[in-house]
C-alpha atoms as a PDB file:
ATOM      1  CA  MET A   1       5.001  17.139   4.723  1.00  0.00           C
ATOM      2  CA  VAL A   2       6.172  13.953   3.069  1.00  0.00           C
ATOM      3  CA  VAL A   3       9.557  12.289   3.493  1.00  0.00           C
ATOM      4  CA  ILE A   4      10.573   9.271   1.399  1.00  0.00           C
ATOM      5  CA  ILE A   5      13.817   7.406   2.034  1.00  0.00           C
ATOM      6  CA  LEU A   6      14.904   4.863  -0.571  1.00  0.00           C
ATOM      7  CA  GLU A   7      17.620   2.196  -0.489  1.00  0.00           C
ATOM      8  CA  LYS A   8      19.011   0.354  -3.501  1.00  0.00           C
ATOM      9  CA  VAL A   9      16.359   1.415  -6.009  1.00  0.00           C
ATOM     10  CA  PRO A  10      16.881   2.062  -9.729  1.00  0.00           C
ATOM     11  CA  ALA A  11      17.986   5.596 -10.597  1.00  0.00           C
ATOM     12  CA  SER A  12      14.845   6.017 -12.711  1.00  0.00           C
ATOM     13  CA  VAL A  13      12.670   5.755  -9.575  1.00  0.00           C
ATOM     14  CA  ARG A  14      14.649   8.519  -7.914  1.00  0.00           C
ATOM     15  CA  GLY A  15      14.402  10.578 -11.086  1.00  0.00           C
ATOM     16  CA  GLU A  16      10.626  10.287 -11.183  1.00  0.00           C
ATOM     17  CA  LEU A  17      10.348  11.401  -7.560  1.00  0.00           C
ATOM     18  CA  THR A  18      12.340  14.564  -8.239  1.00  0.00           C
ATOM     19  CA  ARG A  19       9.400  15.812 -10.311  1.00  0.00           C
ATOM     20  CA  TRP A  20       7.369  16.062  -7.105  1.00  0.00           C
ATOM     21  CA  LEU A  21       9.837  16.107  -4.213  1.00  0.00           C
ATOM     22  CA  LEU A  22      13.227  17.628  -3.457  1.00  0.00           C
ATOM     23  CA  GLU A  23      16.095  15.119  -3.161  1.00  0.00           C
ATOM     24  CA  LEU A  24      18.075  16.372  -0.147  1.00  0.00           C
ATOM     25  CA  LYS A  25      20.611  13.553  -0.297  1.00  0.00           C
ATOM     26  CA  THR A  26      20.834  10.412  -2.378  1.00  0.00           C
ATOM     27  CA  GLY A  27      17.598   8.538  -1.744  1.00  0.00           C
ATOM     28  CA  VAL A  28      16.146  11.088   0.709  1.00  0.00           C
ATOM     29  CA  PHE A  29      13.179  13.073  -0.641  1.00  0.00           C
ATOM     30  CA  VAL A  30      11.043  15.705   1.037  1.00  0.00           C
ATOM     31  CA  GLY A  31       8.097  17.767  -0.089  1.00  0.00           C
ATOM     32  CA  ASN A  32       4.573  18.910   0.531  1.00  0.00           C
ATOM     33  CA  VAL A  33       1.982  17.203  -1.667  1.00  0.00           C
ATOM     34  CA  SER A  34      -1.650  16.213  -1.219  1.00  0.00           C
ATOM     35  CA  GLY A  35      -2.592  12.865   0.279  1.00  0.00           C
ATOM     36  CA  ALA A  36      -3.758  11.583  -3.096  1.00  0.00           C
ATOM     37  CA  VAL A  37      -0.467  12.507  -4.780  1.00  0.00           C
ATOM     38  CA  ARG A  38       1.514  11.051  -1.862  1.00  0.00           C
ATOM     39  CA  ASP A  39      -0.322   7.736  -2.066  1.00  0.00           C
ATOM     40  CA  ALA A  40       0.030   7.592  -5.872  1.00  0.00           C
ATOM     41  CA  LEU A  41       3.769   8.319  -5.613  1.00  0.00           C
ATOM     42  CA  TRP A  42       4.247   5.661  -2.953  1.00  0.00           C
ATOM     43  CA  LEU A  43       2.379   3.034  -4.994  1.00  0.00           C
ATOM     44  CA  GLN A  44       4.465   3.860  -8.045  1.00  0.00           C
ATOM     45  CA  VAL A  45       7.728   3.761  -6.074  1.00  0.00           C
ATOM     46  CA  CYS A  46       6.828   0.433  -4.439  1.00  0.00           C
ATOM     47  CA  SER A  47       6.006  -1.145  -7.798  1.00  0.00           C
ATOM     48  CA  LYS A  48       9.386  -0.144  -9.261  1.00  0.00           C
ATOM     49  CA  MET A  49      11.795  -0.855  -6.386  1.00  0.00           C
ATOM     50  CA  LYS A  50      13.143  -4.107  -7.878  1.00  0.00           C
ATOM     51  CA  GLY A  51      14.568  -5.498  -4.647  1.00  0.00           C
ATOM     52  CA  GLY A  52      15.195  -2.141  -3.027  1.00  0.00           C
ATOM     53  CA  ALA A  53      13.483  -0.779   0.029  1.00  0.00           C
ATOM     54  CA  GLY A  54      11.782   2.381   1.098  1.00  0.00           C
ATOM     55  CA  MET A  55      10.235   4.279   3.952  1.00  0.00           C
ATOM     56  CA  LEU A  56       7.471   6.869   3.745  1.00  0.00           C
ATOM     57  CA  LEU A  57       6.719   9.324   6.539  1.00  0.00           C
ATOM     58  CA  HIS A  58       3.819  11.740   6.382  1.00  0.00           C
ATOM     59  CA  ASN A  59       1.714  13.958   8.585  1.00  0.00           C
ATOM     60  CA  THR A  60      -1.447  12.478  10.031  1.00  0.00           C
ATOM     61  CA  ALA A  61      -3.835  13.141  12.911  1.00  0.00           C
ATOM     62  CA  ASN A  62      -2.538  10.738  15.538  1.00  0.00           C
ATOM     63  CA  GLU A  63      -0.698  11.142  18.831  1.00  0.00           C
ATOM     64  CA  GLN A  64       2.710  11.368  17.190  1.00  0.00           C
ATOM     65  CA  GLY A  65       1.512  13.536  14.322  1.00  0.00           C
ATOM     66  CA  TYR A  66       2.946  11.292  11.630  1.00  0.00           C
ATOM     67  CA  ALA A  67       2.648   7.845  10.100  1.00  0.00           C
ATOM     68  CA  ILE A  68       5.341   5.540   8.755  1.00  0.00           C
ATOM     69  CA  ARG A  69       5.108   3.012   5.926  1.00  0.00           C
ATOM     70  CA  LEU A  70       7.826   0.558   4.939  1.00  0.00           C
ATOM     71  CA  HIS A  71       8.225  -1.462   1.770  1.00  0.00           C
ATOM     72  CA  GLY A  72      10.868  -4.040   0.934  1.00  0.00           C
ATOM     73  CA  LYS A  73      13.587  -5.415   3.149  1.00  0.00           C
ATOM     74  CA  THR A  74      14.736  -2.502   5.281  1.00  0.00           C
ATOM     75  CA  ALA A  75      17.272  -2.434   8.082  1.00  0.00           C
ATOM     76  CA  ARG A  76      14.535  -1.346  10.492  1.00  0.00           C
ATOM     77  CA  GLN A  77      11.037  -2.509  11.365  1.00  0.00           C
ATOM     78  CA  ILE A  78       8.029  -0.637  12.706  1.00  0.00           C
ATOM     79  CA  GLU A  79       6.654  -1.694  16.080  1.00  0.00           C
ATOM     80  CA  ASN A  80       3.211  -0.468  17.027  1.00  0.00           C
ATOM     81  CA  LEU A  81       3.003  -0.173  20.807  1.00  0.00           C
ATOM     82  CA  ASP A  82      -0.619   0.733  21.600  1.00  0.00           C
ATOM     83  CA  GLY A  83      -0.707   3.224  18.743  1.00  0.00           C
ATOM     84  CA  LEU A  84       2.798   4.551  19.360  1.00  0.00           C
ATOM     85  CA  LEU A  85       5.067   3.783  16.425  1.00  0.00           C
ATOM     86  CA  LEU A  86       8.599   2.756  17.335  1.00  0.00           C
ATOM     87  CA  MET A  87      11.483   1.669  15.144  1.00  0.00           C
ATOM     88  CA  ARG A  88      13.216  -1.619  15.881  1.00  0.00           C
ATOM     89  CA  ILE A  89      16.539  -2.820  14.565  1.00  0.00           C
ATOM     90  CA  PRO A  90      16.311  -6.613  14.181  1.00  0.00           C
ATOM     91  CA  ALA A  91      19.014  -8.649  15.903  1.00  0.00           C
ATOM     92  CA  VAL A  92      21.767  -9.930  13.667  1.00  0.00           C
ATOM     93  CA  ASP A  93      22.116 -13.687  13.490  1.00  0.00           C
ATOM     94  CA  LYS A  94      25.282 -14.743  15.288  1.00  0.00           C
ATOM     95  CA  PRO A  95      27.446 -17.620  14.162  1.00  0.00           C
ATOM     96  CA  GLU A  96      27.125 -20.752  16.249  1.00  0.00           C
ATOM     97  CA  GLY A  97      29.493 -20.991  19.195  1.00  0.00           C
ATOM     98  CA  GLN A  98      29.375 -17.248  19.904  1.00  0.00           C
ATOM     99  CA  PRO A  99      28.217 -16.407  23.452  1.00  0.00           C
ATOM    100  CA  GLU A 100      25.002 -14.417  23.797  1.00  0.00           C
ATOM    101  CA  ALA A 101      25.300 -10.849  25.004  1.00  0.00           C
ATOM    102  CA  PRO A 102      23.787 -10.316  28.464  1.00  0.00           C
ATOM    103  CA  GLN A 103      20.235  -8.940  28.489  1.00  0.00           C
ATOM    104  CA  LEU A 104      19.879  -5.557  30.135  1.00  0.00           C
END
């Protein structure tokens, strides 16, 4: 299974993906294609994002059973913890003079 999530990409990119994948919600695509088609779609999407961002999830033979790829400036980042993929939300820069939140 392949899941592609796109943010702020041209409508033409989303239109091209609908030839291969089902768009469940704006920018969220799912389908079942071969690895070669998946990689070709991802390369094409990445080359046409024009400042947008995207995330690709697909099945693979690892502990979690899936892999994640990111392209562009996304709100989340992948952290690889000894082969375990985790998602991290980067801290937002605070204006000067604001007290730091206590660390838990």
